[in-house]
Amino acid sequence: MNSFIQDIIMKSPNKMITYAEYIKNALYHPKHGYYMNDEVKIGRSGDFITTSNVSNVFGKIMAKWYSTHHLKYDLPAAVCEIGGGNGRFAKAFLEGWNQYSTIPLTYILIETSPFHRKLQVEELQSIGNIIQYSELSELRDFSGLVFSNELFDALPVHMIEKKGAELFEVMVTFRDGELSEELVPLVDEKILDFIEDQEIKFYEGQRIEIPLAMKEVLREINHMLTSGVVITVDYGYTNEEWREPERRKGSLRGYYRQRMYDNVLQYPGLMDITSHVHFDALVSEGELQGLKFLSKQRQDEYLLSIGILDELAENFDPNPFSEKSKQNRAIRSLVLPGGMSSAFHVIIQQKGLSGLIK
């Protein structure tokens, strides 16, 4: 699978490409990209598991929350999910909505992967009508709830390293029959501006990913959103946390067959690639784009705040395989300390509303 990346590198100036270009092609190349093939990626038979796929209770409680809040803030019964994956969250949300509201819901899915769009249709065709787009730029004049789960961590990033007193961009090249790295002096003005704006300080030898693509996605969200609330679920670090010594090698990781790899140059097109989100930049760049920041909470704290414990079955069921027991276990896994939720945060932003979302 190196061959398609090798061809891109050999056709590029100086026979090297940025990490951002490598990640973009490894994940989203129309023919060879990881997200563009027909292999199962999410779940026990895939390469990773998301919290929204642990149980339908995640989507259900979000639907319950929005079924009351869209009325409170005079928003349409409309949801835009960016990066909807296999459609499981959308299914849970739609089922929850039908349980808590009688108002027809418009559900829009933005999904680049043709394979995932196909899975979404199969998963959701029996529940209700959905609208699908392959790119966020296709949607305009939207009002309602914009939701994403592990979207920003999957965007391409540039890799920067400090050596001596100088900053270098880490490039990807092809040498001795394999993909390898090469350092070149950092000259990209957009990256330099990001580092200055976020006041990023580098240790000697430290690496940090720079998410220029994140700024573009925030711009597109603001451009298509007339009014509404934006809820982002992801894992990441604040600027202060990026400065901690254990972050000195960055956060770029690959996942292949449920195993984590530090070297993401292995298995291009077959491996998921991810990096932690710059939370402070997500907030500040969102503000610049017109998305007012409201709050950032750990996911378990957020779920507790919107009433997930109300979903616990009141009666104990001795059958561990019953739906009640399964749901109760899922709820506990989402809120107990040390569970999956403790690694994720929920960022809430809004635009065009007269009051503050609570």
Protein backbone atom coordinates (compact mmCIF):
# COMPACT_ATOMS: atom_id res chain seq x y z
CA MET A 1 0.00 0.00 0.00
CA ASN A 2 3.04 2.31 0.07
CA SER A 3 2.89 2.66 -3.71
CA PHE A 4 0.18 5.32 -3.94
CA ILE A 5 1.91 7.45 -1.29
CA GLN A 6 5.24 6.89 -2.99
CA ASP A 7 3.79 8.15 -6.28
CA ILE A 8 2.49 11.31 -4.57
CA ILE A 9 5.87 11.93 -2.94
CA MET A 10 7.87 11.37 -6.12
CA LYS A 11 5.67 13.86 -8.01
CA SER A 12 6.01 16.54 -5.33
CA PRO A 13 8.66 19.29 -5.19
CA ASN A 14 11.86 18.10 -3.47
CA LYS A 15 10.39 14.56 -3.30
CA MET A 16 8.73 15.16 0.09
CA ILE A 17 5.31 16.07 1.46
CA THR A 18 4.03 17.51 4.74
CA TYR A 19 2.53 15.25 7.38
CA ALA A 20 -0.78 16.98 6.70
CA GLU A 21 -0.65 15.92 3.05
CA TYR A 22 0.41 12.40 4.04
CA ILE A 23 -2.49 12.06 6.53
CA LYS A 24 -4.98 13.53 4.06
CA ASN A 25 -4.06 10.95 1.44
CA ALA A 26 -3.65 8.02 3.85
CA LEU A 27 -7.14 8.65 5.21
CA TYR A 28 -9.09 10.30 2.40
CA HIS A 29 -7.47 9.41 -0.94
CA PRO A 30 -10.45 8.70 -3.27
CA LYS A 31 -9.22 5.21 -4.14
CA HIS A 32 -6.76 4.12 -1.44
CA GLY A 33 -7.70 6.20 1.62
CA TYR A 34 -8.51 4.41 4.87
CA TYR A 35 -11.94 6.01 5.25
CA MET A 36 -12.81 5.47 1.61
CA ASN A 37 -12.51 1.67 1.50
CA ASP A 38 -15.23 -0.86 2.30
CA GLU A 39 -13.66 -2.33 5.44
CA VAL A 40 -15.44 -2.14 8.80
CA LYS A 41 -13.64 0.45 10.93
CA ILE A 42 -15.82 1.04 14.01
CA GLY A 43 -16.54 -1.60 16.65
CA ARG A 44 -14.91 -4.77 17.85
CA SER A 45 -14.26 -6.01 14.32
CA GLY A 46 -12.77 -2.66 13.26
CA ASP A 47 -9.76 -0.60 14.31
CA PHE A 48 -11.38 1.61 16.97
CA ILE A 49 -14.47 2.10 19.15
CA THR A 50 -16.21 5.44 19.75
CA THR A 51 -18.20 6.27 22.87
CA SER A 52 -21.33 6.97 20.82
CA ASN A 53 -21.15 3.39 19.54
CA VAL A 54 -20.94 1.81 22.99
CA SER A 55 -24.70 2.04 23.47
CA ASN A 56 -27.75 3.77 22.01
CA VAL A 57 -28.16 5.62 25.32
CA PHE A 58 -25.68 8.31 24.18
CA GLY A 59 -27.80 9.34 21.19
CA LYS A 60 -31.03 8.87 23.11
CA ILE A 61 -30.11 11.24 25.95
CA MET A 62 -28.88 13.84 23.44
CA ALA A 63 -32.22 13.62 21.61
CA LYS A 64 -34.10 14.05 24.88
CA TRP A 65 -32.02 17.15 25.67
CA TYR A 66 -32.57 18.76 22.27
CA SER A 67 -36.29 17.88 22.17
CA THR A 68 -36.81 20.45 24.94
CA HIS A 69 -34.02 22.92 24.16
CA HIS A 70 -34.95 23.54 20.53
CA LEU A 71 -38.33 24.78 21.77
CA LYS A 72 -36.77 26.83 24.57
CA TYR A 73 -34.46 28.67 22.17
CA ASP A 74 -36.82 28.74 19.18
CA LEU A 75 -34.65 26.52 17.01
CA PRO A 76 -35.91 24.16 14.29
CA ALA A 77 -36.19 20.43 14.90
CA ALA A 78 -33.08 19.86 12.82
CA VAL A 79 -29.75 18.13 13.42
CA CYS A 80 -26.58 18.15 11.34
CA GLU A 81 -24.12 15.43 12.32
CA ILE A 82 -20.67 15.87 10.82
CA GLY A 83 -18.78 12.63 10.26
CA GLY A 84 -21.70 10.33 10.99
CA GLY A 85 -19.72 7.11 10.54
CA ASN A 86 -21.84 3.97 10.48
CA GLY A 87 -25.02 5.83 11.47
CA ARG A 88 -25.43 4.26 14.89
CA PHE A 89 -25.52 7.57 16.78
CA ALA A 90 -28.03 8.94 14.28
CA LYS A 91 -30.23 5.87 14.75
CA ALA A 92 -30.17 6.24 18.53
CA PHE A 93 -30.91 9.96 18.26
CA LEU A 94 -33.84 9.39 15.90
CA GLU A 95 -35.27 6.65 18.11
CA GLY A 96 -34.91 8.89 21.15
CA TRP A 97 -36.49 11.81 19.33
CA ASN A 98 -39.50 9.71 18.34
CA GLN A 99 -39.85 8.73 21.99
CA TYR A 100 -39.68 12.26 23.43
CA SER A 101 -41.13 14.47 20.69
CA THR A 102 -44.00 14.44 18.21
CA ILE A 103 -42.41 17.12 16.03
CA PRO A 104 -40.93 15.81 12.73
CA LEU A 105 -37.13 15.92 12.80
CA THR A 106 -34.80 16.78 9.93
CA TYR A 107 -31.55 14.80 10.29
CA ILE A 108 -28.61 15.69 8.04
CA LEU A 109 -25.46 13.58 7.83
CA ILE A 110 -22.18 14.93 6.47
CA GLU A 111 -19.99 11.97 5.53
CA THR A 112 -17.02 11.84 3.17
CA SER A 113 -16.84 8.04 2.98
CA PRO A 114 -19.10 6.41 0.35
CA PHE A 115 -18.92 3.18 2.38
CA HIS A 116 -20.17 4.90 5.53
CA ARG A 117 -22.93 6.69 3.60
CA LYS A 118 -24.09 3.27 2.41
CA LEU A 119 -24.04 1.93 5.99
CA GLN A 120 -26.04 4.94 7.15
CA VAL A 121 -28.79 4.29 4.62
CA GLU A 122 -28.96 0.63 5.65
CA GLU A 123 -29.04 1.54 9.35
CA LEU A 124 -31.58 4.36 9.12
CA GLN A 125 -33.95 3.54 6.27
CA SER A 126 -36.53 1.97 8.60
CA ILE A 127 -36.59 4.92 11.04
CA GLY A 128 -37.15 8.01 8.98
CA ASN A 129 -35.89 10.24 6.23
CA ILE A 130 -32.32 11.46 6.33
CA ILE A 131 -30.40 13.87 4.14
CA GLN A 132 -26.81 13.06 3.20
CA TYR A 133 -23.99 15.26 1.95
CA SER A 134 -20.41 14.23 1.24
CA GLU A 135 -18.96 17.64 2.14
CA LEU A 136 -19.86 20.25 4.74
CA SER A 137 -19.53 22.97 2.08
CA GLU A 138 -22.66 21.57 0.36
CA LEU A 139 -24.89 22.68 3.24
CA ARG A 140 -26.06 26.27 3.60
CA ASP A 141 -28.43 28.30 5.81
CA PHE A 142 -28.76 25.63 8.48
CA SER A 143 -30.36 26.30 11.88
CA GLY A 144 -30.46 23.74 14.67
CA LEU A 145 -28.03 21.41 16.40
CA VAL A 146 -24.60 20.70 14.89
CA PHE A 147 -23.05 17.61 16.43
CA SER A 148 -19.75 15.80 15.90
CA ASN A 149 -18.03 12.97 17.72
CA GLU A 150 -14.31 12.41 17.09
CA LEU A 151 -14.28 14.63 14.02
CA PHE A 152 -11.42 17.03 14.74
CA ASP A 153 -8.99 14.32 15.89
CA ALA A 154 -9.21 12.74 12.42
CA LEU A 155 -8.23 15.87 10.48
CA PRO A 156 -4.80 16.24 8.84
CA VAL A 157 -2.14 18.01 10.94
CA HIS A 158 1.33 19.40 10.33
CA MET A 159 4.15 18.13 12.56
CA ILE A 160 6.59 20.66 14.02
CA GLU A 161 9.74 19.89 16.01
CA LYS A 162 12.18 22.11 17.85
CA LYS A 163 15.87 21.36 17.41
CA GLY A 164 18.37 23.70 18.98
CA ALA A 165 16.98 27.20 18.70
CA GLU A 166 15.10 26.52 15.46
CA LEU A 167 11.70 25.15 14.55
CA PHE A 168 11.46 22.55 11.81
CA GLU A 169 8.58 21.03 9.91
CA VAL A 170 8.72 17.27 9.80
CA MET A 171 8.24 16.08 6.23
CA VAL A 172 7.49 12.62 4.82
CA THR A 173 9.77 11.23 2.12
CA PHE A 174 10.62 7.89 0.54
CA ARG A 175 14.09 6.54 1.21
CA ASP A 176 15.67 3.09 0.98
CA GLY A 177 12.40 1.49 -0.01
CA GLU A 178 10.30 2.85 2.84
CA LEU A 179 8.57 5.97 4.09
CA SER A 180 10.71 8.07 6.40
CA GLU A 181 10.95 11.57 7.90
CA GLU A 182 13.04 14.59 7.04
CA LEU A 183 13.30 17.91 8.89
CA VAL A 184 13.20 21.20 6.97
CA PRO A 185 13.25 24.74 8.44
CA LEU A 186 9.75 25.95 9.24
CA VAL A 187 8.72 28.68 6.80
CA ASP A 188 4.93 28.22 6.49
CA GLU A 189 3.45 31.53 7.63
CA LYS A 190 0.09 29.98 8.59
CA ILE A 191 1.82 27.57 10.96
CA LEU A 192 4.00 30.33 12.40
CA ASP A 193 0.90 32.48 12.96
CA PHE A 194 -0.87 29.59 14.72
CA ILE A 195 2.10 29.05 17.02
CA GLU A 196 2.24 32.77 17.82
CA ASP A 197 -1.53 33.16 18.31
CA GLN A 198 -1.70 30.15 20.66
CA GLU A 199 1.54 31.14 22.44
CA ILE A 200 2.91 27.62 22.01
CA LYS A 201 6.24 27.09 23.74
CA PHE A 202 8.50 24.26 22.63
CA TYR A 203 10.96 22.23 24.69
CA GLU A 204 14.17 21.09 23.03
CA GLY A 205 13.28 18.09 20.90
CA GLN A 206 9.55 18.52 21.42
CA ARG A 207 7.04 17.78 18.69
CA ILE A 208 3.55 19.29 18.38
CA GLU A 209 0.89 18.79 15.73
CA ILE A 210 -0.50 21.98 14.18
CA PRO A 211 -4.16 21.64 13.04
CA LEU A 212 -4.59 24.12 10.21
CA ALA A 213 -7.44 21.97 8.83
CA MET A 214 -9.35 22.53 12.05
CA LYS A 215 -9.53 26.26 11.30
CA GLU A 216 -11.02 25.51 7.88
CA VAL A 217 -13.69 23.19 9.33
CA LEU A 218 -14.67 25.83 11.90
CA ARG A 219 -14.92 28.38 9.10
CA GLU A 220 -17.21 26.06 7.13
CA ILE A 221 -19.40 25.37 10.19
CA ASN A 222 -19.82 29.09 10.79
CA HIS A 223 -20.48 29.70 7.09
CA MET A 224 -23.29 27.16 6.85
CA LEU A 225 -24.81 27.87 10.30
CA THR A 226 -27.40 30.63 10.58
CA SER A 227 -28.32 29.97 14.20
CA GLY A 228 -27.95 27.10 16.59
CA VAL A 229 -25.77 25.20 19.02
CA VAL A 230 -22.57 23.35 18.13
CA ILE A 231 -21.65 20.34 20.29
CA THR A 232 -18.21 18.82 19.75
CA VAL A 233 -17.15 15.58 21.45
CA ASP A 234 -13.47 14.73 21.23
CA TYR A 235 -10.24 14.14 23.12
CA GLY A 236 -7.46 16.67 23.34
CA TYR A 237 -5.32 19.02 25.44
CA THR A 238 -5.36 22.64 26.52
CA ASN A 239 -2.31 24.77 25.74
CA GLU A 240 -1.13 24.25 29.31
CA GLU A 241 -1.46 20.48 28.99
CA TRP A 242 0.50 20.49 25.73
CA ARG A 243 3.45 21.93 27.70
CA GLU A 244 3.63 18.96 30.06
CA PRO A 245 6.84 16.91 29.58
CA GLU A 246 4.99 13.71 28.70
CA ARG A 247 3.59 15.43 25.59
CA ARG A 248 7.07 16.14 24.18
CA LYS A 249 6.67 13.59 21.35
CA GLY A 250 3.23 14.88 20.31
CA SER A 251 0.05 12.86 20.12
CA LEU A 252 0.00 11.48 16.57
CA ARG A 253 -0.99 7.80 16.67
CA GLY A 254 -2.18 5.06 14.35
CA TYR A 255 -4.69 2.28 15.02
CA TYR A 256 -4.60 -0.94 13.06
CA ARG A 257 -6.58 -4.03 14.04
CA GLN A 258 -7.21 -2.75 17.59
CA ARG A 259 -3.51 -2.03 18.19
CA MET A 260 -1.92 1.38 18.65
CA TYR A 261 1.19 2.39 16.70
CA ASP A 262 3.44 5.40 17.33
CA ASN A 263 4.71 5.23 13.75
CA VAL A 264 1.83 6.34 11.53
CA LEU A 265 3.89 5.81 8.37
CA GLN A 266 3.10 2.11 8.62
CA TYR A 267 0.16 0.69 6.67
CA PRO A 268 -0.93 3.86 4.79
CA GLY A 269 -4.51 3.41 3.66
CA LEU A 270 -5.05 0.56 6.11
CA MET A 271 -4.50 2.37 9.41
CA ASP A 272 -6.58 4.97 11.19
CA ILE A 273 -4.53 8.07 12.09
CA THR A 274 -5.46 10.42 14.89
CA SER A 275 -4.09 13.27 16.98
CA HIS A 276 -5.33 15.09 20.07
CA VAL A 277 -7.30 18.28 19.54
CA HIS A 278 -5.96 21.71 20.51
CA PHE A 279 -8.91 22.65 22.72
CA ASP A 280 -7.89 26.25 23.34
CA ALA A 281 -7.43 26.80 19.62
CA LEU A 282 -10.79 25.21 18.88
CA VAL A 283 -12.40 27.69 21.24
CA SER A 284 -10.47 30.80 20.19
CA GLU A 285 -10.68 30.07 16.46
CA GLY A 286 -14.38 29.37 16.86
CA GLU A 287 -14.83 32.76 18.52
CA LEU A 288 -13.02 34.45 15.63
CA GLN A 289 -15.33 32.68 13.19
CA GLY A 290 -18.47 33.74 15.08
CA LEU A 291 -19.08 30.68 17.28
CA LYS A 292 -19.56 31.86 20.86
CA PHE A 293 -17.93 29.55 23.42
CA LEU A 294 -20.20 28.40 26.23
CA SER A 295 -18.58 25.51 28.07
CA LYS A 296 -16.11 22.63 28.11
CA GLN A 297 -16.75 19.60 30.31
CA ARG A 298 -15.51 16.06 30.58
CA GLN A 299 -17.97 13.84 28.77
CA ASP A 300 -19.03 12.00 31.92
CA GLU A 301 -19.74 15.32 33.67
CA TYR A 302 -21.70 16.54 30.66
CA LEU A 303 -23.83 13.38 30.45
CA LEU A 304 -24.62 13.64 34.16
CA SER A 305 -25.58 17.30 33.72
CA ILE A 306 -28.16 16.49 31.02
CA GLY A 307 -29.74 13.70 33.05
CA ILE A 308 -28.30 10.40 31.89
CA LEU A 309 -28.93 8.85 35.30
CA ASP A 310 -32.67 9.33 34.72
CA GLU A 311 -32.34 6.63 32.07
CA LEU A 312 -31.26 3.97 34.55
CA ALA A 313 -33.93 1.31 34.76
CA GLU A 314 -35.76 1.64 38.06
CA ASN A 315 -36.20 -2.09 38.60
CA PHE A 316 -33.35 -4.54 38.93
CA ASP A 317 -33.39 -7.26 36.29
CA PRO A 318 -31.54 -10.45 37.28
CA ASN A 319 -31.07 -11.37 33.61
CA PRO A 320 -27.67 -9.88 32.65
CA PHE A 321 -28.54 -10.16 28.96
CA SER A 322 -31.82 -8.23 29.12
CA GLU A 323 -32.09 -4.84 27.43
CA LYS A 324 -32.52 -3.14 30.82
CA SER A 325 -29.33 -4.70 32.15
CA LYS A 326 -27.38 -3.88 29.01
CA GLN A 327 -28.51 -0.25 29.11
CA ASN A 328 -27.68 0.10 32.80
CA ARG A 329 -24.18 -1.29 32.22
CA ALA A 330 -23.68 1.09 29.31
CA ILE A 331 -24.74 4.08 31.41
CA ARG A 332 -22.35 3.09 34.18
CA SER A 333 -19.50 2.68 31.69
CA LEU A 334 -20.15 6.20 30.42
CA VAL A 335 -20.17 7.93 33.82
CA LEU A 336 -17.99 5.91 36.19
CA PRO A 337 -14.50 7.36 36.92
CA GLY A 338 -11.82 5.84 34.71
CA GLY A 339 -14.29 4.86 31.99
CA MET A 340 -14.20 5.88 28.33
CA SER A 341 -15.95 9.19 28.99
CA SER A 342 -13.21 10.50 31.26
CA ALA A 343 -10.88 10.75 28.24
CA PHE A 344 -13.34 12.84 26.20
CA HIS A 345 -14.56 16.41 26.50
CA VAL A 346 -17.70 18.12 25.27
CA ILE A 347 -17.33 21.66 23.93
CA ILE A 348 -20.48 23.72 23.40
CA GLN A 349 -20.62 26.79 21.16
CA GLN A 350 -23.57 28.75 19.82
CA LYS A 351 -24.44 31.27 17.15
CA GLY A 352 -27.32 33.64 16.54
CA LEU A 353 -29.27 32.93 19.75
CA SER A 354 -30.74 35.61 22.00
CA GLY A 355 -30.03 33.63 25.19
CA LEU A 356 -27.26 31.34 26.37
CA ILE A 357 -27.78 27.59 25.99
CA LYS A 358 -27.90 25.87 29.40
